[in-house]
Amino acid sequence: MKKHMPFLIAAGLMLLAHGLMSTPPLEKWLQLPSGYIAAFLLGAPSVCTGGVIEIGTQPLLSVGIPCSGVKLFSILVGLGGGYWCGRKPLRWLALLPACYGVALFSNSARIVAGFHFRTLTAGLLPDWLQEFAHMGIGGVWSLTVVAVLVYLITRPPQPLKDLAQ
């Protein structure tokens, strides 16, 4: 049972984080900053109207609740909790701000990448395929971020090179 404890803790923390962050007041903590950061990266004005951030690009870009990054944040919280399990269990709480920051900037970059893909393929792909590609970009982007973080966490320590050489 002890061998499976990191996985169980990670799964529990993921479900807990997803449940908490999916509630209406908390999901805006990820959605609003992600939308404003994406607008900044695109160099376009933005306005929050009715819980959706409208970014003044051509075509108009709307960042709603599905674009909030709650799932990525939940995965990062579980990853951090599973990693720190057995070491100093409450130490993963210090990772929460890092998980939040990574989720915000990764999600904002994903929104910008999706927008650029849409503008590059406008007229080449039908609308239904554009939507499918938009969801695919989100999935591939988030999985790549998680894979890079897992690699960085689990790689063996590298010896320092002698600077005198």
C-alpha atoms as a PDB file:
ATOM      1  CA  MET A   1       0.000   0.000   0.000  1.00  0.00           C
ATOM      2  CA  LYS A   2       2.867   2.368   0.813  1.00  0.00           C
ATOM      3  CA  LYS A   3       4.172   1.949  -2.742  1.00  0.00           C
ATOM      4  CA  HIS A   4       0.902   3.340  -4.133  1.00  0.00           C
ATOM      5  CA  MET A   5       0.611   6.212  -1.662  1.00  0.00           C
ATOM      6  CA  PRO A   6       2.105   8.931  -3.951  1.00  0.00           C
ATOM      7  CA  PHE A   7      -0.344   7.994  -6.704  1.00  0.00           C
ATOM      8  CA  LEU A   8      -3.318   7.978  -4.326  1.00  0.00           C
ATOM      9  CA  ILE A   9      -2.335  11.329  -2.841  1.00  0.00           C
ATOM     10  CA  ALA A  10      -1.791  12.819  -6.295  1.00  0.00           C
ATOM     11  CA  ALA A  11      -5.182  11.564  -7.516  1.00  0.00           C
ATOM     12  CA  GLY A  12      -6.935  12.830  -4.387  1.00  0.00           C
ATOM     13  CA  LEU A  13      -5.309  16.255  -4.628  1.00  0.00           C
ATOM     14  CA  MET A  14      -6.159  16.475  -8.332  1.00  0.00           C
ATOM     15  CA  LEU A  15      -9.813  15.725  -7.645  1.00  0.00           C
ATOM     16  CA  LEU A  16      -9.905  18.126  -4.705  1.00  0.00           C
ATOM     17  CA  ALA A  17      -8.242  20.951  -6.663  1.00  0.00           C
ATOM     18  CA  HIS A  18     -10.525  20.388  -9.648  1.00  0.00           C
ATOM     19  CA  GLY A  19     -13.611  20.357  -7.449  1.00  0.00           C
ATOM     20  CA  LEU A  20     -12.618  23.547  -5.652  1.00  0.00           C
ATOM     21  CA  MET A  21     -11.394  25.456  -8.697  1.00  0.00           C
ATOM     22  CA  SER A  22     -14.473  24.521 -10.739  1.00  0.00           C
ATOM     23  CA  THR A  23     -16.744  26.523  -8.450  1.00  0.00           C
ATOM     24  CA  PRO A  24     -17.930  29.801 -10.000  1.00  0.00           C
ATOM     25  CA  PRO A  25     -16.043  32.310  -7.841  1.00  0.00           C
ATOM     26  CA  LEU A  26     -12.727  30.406  -7.886  1.00  0.00           C
ATOM     27  CA  GLU A  27     -12.553  29.501 -11.585  1.00  0.00           C
ATOM     28  CA  LYS A  28     -12.299  33.200 -12.419  1.00  0.00           C
ATOM     29  CA  TRP A  29      -8.959  33.266 -10.541  1.00  0.00           C
ATOM     30  CA  LEU A  30      -7.525  31.394 -13.504  1.00  0.00           C
ATOM     31  CA  GLN A  31      -9.744  32.641 -16.321  1.00  0.00           C
ATOM     32  CA  LEU A  32      -9.423  36.404 -15.862  1.00  0.00           C
ATOM     33  CA  PRO A  33      -5.626  36.630 -15.439  1.00  0.00           C
ATOM     34  CA  SER A  34      -5.084  34.163 -18.305  1.00  0.00           C
ATOM     35  CA  GLY A  35      -7.262  36.263 -20.592  1.00  0.00           C
ATOM     36  CA  TYR A  36      -5.553  39.513 -19.663  1.00  0.00           C
ATOM     37  CA  ILE A  37      -2.072  38.009 -20.033  1.00  0.00           C
ATOM     38  CA  ALA A  38      -3.057  36.600 -23.453  1.00  0.00           C
ATOM     39  CA  ALA A  39      -4.349  40.046 -24.478  1.00  0.00           C
ATOM     40  CA  PHE A  40      -1.055  41.577 -23.360  1.00  0.00           C
ATOM     41  CA  LEU A  41       0.943  38.986 -25.323  1.00  0.00           C
ATOM     42  CA  LEU A  42      -1.181  39.651 -28.404  1.00  0.00           C
ATOM     43  CA  GLY A  43      -0.863  43.416 -27.937  1.00  0.00           C
ATOM     44  CA  ALA A  44      -4.627  43.877 -28.109  1.00  0.00           C
ATOM     45  CA  PRO A  45      -7.111  45.642 -25.846  1.00  0.00           C
ATOM     46  CA  SER A  46      -9.367  43.504 -23.674  1.00  0.00           C
ATOM     47  CA  VAL A  47     -12.690  43.948 -21.914  1.00  0.00           C
ATOM     48  CA  CYS A  48     -14.460  41.695 -19.432  1.00  0.00           C
ATOM     49  CA  THR A  49     -18.142  41.422 -20.344  1.00  0.00           C
ATOM     50  CA  GLY A  50     -20.433  39.052 -18.501  1.00  0.00           C
ATOM     51  CA  GLY A  51     -17.717  36.717 -17.277  1.00  0.00           C
ATOM     52  CA  VAL A  52     -16.016  36.460 -20.685  1.00  0.00           C
ATOM     53  CA  ILE A  53     -12.900  38.362 -21.672  1.00  0.00           C
ATOM     54  CA  GLU A  54     -13.175  39.811 -25.150  1.00  0.00           C
ATOM     55  CA  ILE A  55      -9.779  40.438 -26.721  1.00  0.00           C
ATOM     56  CA  GLY A  56      -9.929  42.995 -29.510  1.00  0.00           C
ATOM     57  CA  THR A  57      -8.158  41.048 -32.212  1.00  0.00           C
ATOM     58  CA  GLN A  58      -9.320  40.184 -35.716  1.00  0.00           C
ATOM     59  CA  PRO A  59     -11.196  37.881 -35.440  1.00  0.00           C
ATOM     60  CA  LEU A  60     -12.490  38.703 -31.966  1.00  0.00           C
ATOM     61  CA  LEU A  61     -11.136  36.328 -29.340  1.00  0.00           C
ATOM     62  CA  SER A  62     -13.298  35.326 -26.365  1.00  0.00           C
ATOM     63  CA  VAL A  63     -11.791  33.712 -23.278  1.00  0.00           C
ATOM     64  CA  GLY A  64     -14.489  31.937 -21.290  1.00  0.00           C
ATOM     65  CA  ILE A  65     -14.623  29.472 -18.436  1.00  0.00           C
ATOM     66  CA  PRO A  66     -13.605  26.462 -20.607  1.00  0.00           C
ATOM     67  CA  CYS A  67     -10.360  28.351 -21.357  1.00  0.00           C
ATOM     68  CA  SER A  68      -9.577  28.928 -17.677  1.00  0.00           C
ATOM     69  CA  GLY A  69      -6.932  26.210 -17.240  1.00  0.00           C
ATOM     70  CA  VAL A  70      -8.590  24.561 -14.222  1.00  0.00           C
ATOM     71  CA  LYS A  71      -7.668  21.076 -15.453  1.00  0.00           C
ATOM     72  CA  LEU A  72      -4.001  21.951 -15.946  1.00  0.00           C
ATOM     73  CA  PHE A  73      -3.847  23.577 -12.518  1.00  0.00           C
ATOM     74  CA  SER A  74      -5.431  20.474 -10.955  1.00  0.00           C
ATOM     75  CA  ILE A  75      -2.916  18.200 -12.667  1.00  0.00           C
ATOM     76  CA  LEU A  76      -0.026  20.367 -11.468  1.00  0.00           C
ATOM     77  CA  VAL A  77      -1.327  20.332  -7.871  1.00  0.00           C
ATOM     78  CA  GLY A  78      -1.610  16.532  -7.985  1.00  0.00           C
ATOM     79  CA  LEU A  79       1.833  16.202  -9.543  1.00  0.00           C
ATOM     80  CA  GLY A  80       3.377  18.351  -6.833  1.00  0.00           C
ATOM     81  CA  GLY A  81       1.546  16.532  -4.043  1.00  0.00           C
ATOM     82  CA  GLY A  82       2.500  13.108  -5.379  1.00  0.00           C
ATOM     83  CA  TYR A  83       6.123  14.145  -5.749  1.00  0.00           C
ATOM     84  CA  TRP A  84       6.469  15.493  -2.219  1.00  0.00           C
ATOM     85  CA  CYS A  85       4.579  12.575  -0.650  1.00  0.00           C
ATOM     86  CA  GLY A  86       6.727  10.848   1.958  1.00  0.00           C
ATOM     87  CA  ARG A  87       9.308  13.596   2.114  1.00  0.00           C
ATOM     88  CA  LYS A  88       7.723  16.440   4.022  1.00  0.00           C
ATOM     89  CA  PRO A  89       4.013  16.040   3.246  1.00  0.00           C
ATOM     90  CA  LEU A  90       2.945  19.627   3.858  1.00  0.00           C
ATOM     91  CA  ARG A  91       5.862  21.001   1.863  1.00  0.00           C
ATOM     92  CA  TRP A  92       3.827  20.708  -1.345  1.00  0.00           C
ATOM     93  CA  LEU A  93       1.731  23.641  -0.102  1.00  0.00           C
ATOM     94  CA  ALA A  94       4.717  25.808  -0.979  1.00  0.00           C
ATOM     95  CA  LEU A  95       4.326  24.551  -4.560  1.00  0.00           C
ATOM     96  CA  LEU A  96       0.766  25.914  -4.906  1.00  0.00           C
ATOM     97  CA  PRO A  97       1.892  29.412  -5.968  1.00  0.00           C
ATOM     98  CA  ALA A  98       4.285  27.825  -8.484  1.00  0.00           C
ATOM     99  CA  CYS A  99       1.470  25.603  -9.816  1.00  0.00           C
ATOM    100  CA  TYR A 100      -0.753  28.676 -10.135  1.00  0.00           C
ATOM    101  CA  GLY A 101       1.927  30.663 -11.971  1.00  0.00           C
ATOM    102  CA  VAL A 102       2.779  27.830 -14.360  1.00  0.00           C
ATOM    103  CA  ALA A 103      -0.917  27.250 -15.071  1.00  0.00           C
ATOM    104  CA  LEU A 104      -1.523  30.973 -15.751  1.00  0.00           C
ATOM    105  CA  PHE A 105       1.373  31.512 -18.107  1.00  0.00           C
ATOM    106  CA  SER A 106       0.993  28.166 -19.848  1.00  0.00           C
ATOM    107  CA  ASN A 107      -2.713  28.752 -20.351  1.00  0.00           C
ATOM    108  CA  SER A 108      -2.108  32.279 -21.674  1.00  0.00           C
ATOM    109  CA  ALA A 109       0.495  30.977 -24.125  1.00  0.00           C
ATOM    110  CA  ARG A 110      -1.950  28.240 -25.189  1.00  0.00           C
ATOM    111  CA  ILE A 111      -4.615  30.865 -25.907  1.00  0.00           C
ATOM    112  CA  VAL A 112      -2.144  32.877 -27.994  1.00  0.00           C
ATOM    113  CA  ALA A 113      -0.980  29.751 -29.874  1.00  0.00           C
ATOM    114  CA  GLY A 114      -4.592  28.774 -30.574  1.00  0.00           C
ATOM    115  CA  PHE A 115      -5.350  32.267 -31.864  1.00  0.00           C
ATOM    116  CA  HIS A 116      -2.345  32.261 -34.192  1.00  0.00           C
ATOM    117  CA  PHE A 117      -3.240  28.796 -35.479  1.00  0.00           C
ATOM    118  CA  ARG A 118      -6.771  30.004 -36.188  1.00  0.00           C
ATOM    119  CA  THR A 119      -5.568  33.070 -38.089  1.00  0.00           C
ATOM    120  CA  LEU A 120      -3.024  31.042 -40.092  1.00  0.00           C
ATOM    121  CA  THR A 121      -5.575  28.430 -41.133  1.00  0.00           C
ATOM    122  CA  ALA A 122      -8.519  30.788 -41.685  1.00  0.00           C
ATOM    123  CA  GLY A 123     -10.133  29.883 -44.979  1.00  0.00           C
ATOM    124  CA  LEU A 124      -8.164  26.648 -45.204  1.00  0.00           C
ATOM    125  CA  LEU A 125     -10.113  24.647 -42.628  1.00  0.00           C
ATOM    126  CA  PRO A 126     -13.877  24.532 -42.077  1.00  0.00           C
ATOM    127  CA  ASP A 127     -15.213  25.923 -38.782  1.00  0.00           C
ATOM    128  CA  TRP A 128     -15.910  22.505 -37.252  1.00  0.00           C
ATOM    129  CA  LEU A 129     -12.314  21.455 -37.913  1.00  0.00           C
ATOM    130  CA  GLN A 130     -11.058  24.758 -36.492  1.00  0.00           C
ATOM    131  CA  GLU A 131     -12.857  23.960 -33.217  1.00  0.00           C
ATOM    132  CA  PHE A 132     -11.430  20.437 -33.186  1.00  0.00           C
ATOM    133  CA  ALA A 133      -7.924  21.818 -33.805  1.00  0.00           C
ATOM    134  CA  HIS A 134      -8.433  24.407 -31.044  1.00  0.00           C
ATOM    135  CA  MET A 135      -9.195  21.654 -28.522  1.00  0.00           C
ATOM    136  CA  GLY A 136      -6.301  19.564 -29.831  1.00  0.00           C
ATOM    137  CA  ILE A 137      -3.846  22.424 -29.394  1.00  0.00           C
ATOM    138  CA  GLY A 138      -5.019  22.827 -25.807  1.00  0.00           C
ATOM    139  CA  GLY A 139      -4.554  19.140 -25.044  1.00  0.00           C
ATOM    140  CA  VAL A 140      -1.152  18.839 -26.694  1.00  0.00           C
ATOM    141  CA  TRP A 141       0.057  22.072 -25.076  1.00  0.00           C
ATOM    142  CA  SER A 142      -1.021  21.009 -21.575  1.00  0.00           C
ATOM    143  CA  LEU A 143       0.389  17.493 -21.944  1.00  0.00           C
ATOM    144  CA  THR A 144       3.697  18.946 -23.122  1.00  0.00           C
ATOM    145  CA  VAL A 145       3.891  21.239 -20.083  1.00  0.00           C
ATOM    146  CA  VAL A 146       3.136  18.328 -17.749  1.00  0.00           C
ATOM    147  CA  ALA A 147       5.667  16.063 -19.520  1.00  0.00           C
ATOM    148  CA  VAL A 148       8.424  18.692 -19.255  1.00  0.00           C
ATOM    149  CA  LEU A 149       7.685  19.218 -15.564  1.00  0.00           C
ATOM    150  CA  VAL A 150       7.679  15.465 -14.876  1.00  0.00           C
ATOM    151  CA  TYR A 151      11.038  15.200 -16.650  1.00  0.00           C
ATOM    152  CA  LEU A 152      12.505  18.076 -14.636  1.00  0.00           C
ATOM    153  CA  ILE A 153      11.215  16.631 -11.363  1.00  0.00           C
ATOM    154  CA  THR A 154      12.280  13.025 -11.925  1.00  0.00           C
ATOM    155  CA  ARG A 155      15.633  13.431 -13.678  1.00  0.00           C
ATOM    156  CA  PRO A 156      18.663  12.440 -11.642  1.00  0.00           C
ATOM    157  CA  PRO A 157      20.761  15.283 -10.240  1.00  0.00           C
ATOM    158  CA  GLN A 158      23.417  16.443 -12.648  1.00  0.00           C
ATOM    159  CA  PRO A 159      26.967  16.930 -11.352  1.00  0.00           C
ATOM    160  CA  LEU A 160      28.284  20.441 -11.486  1.00  0.00           C
ATOM    161  CA  LYS A 161      30.972  20.941 -14.099  1.00  0.00           C
ATOM    162  CA  ASP A 162      34.271  22.301 -12.953  1.00  0.00           C
ATOM    163  CA  LEU A 163      34.380  25.927 -14.015  1.00  0.00           C
ATOM    164  CA  ALA A 164      38.186  26.023 -13.857  1.00  0.00           C
ATOM    165  CA  GLN A 165      38.561  23.896 -16.984  1.00  0.00           C
END
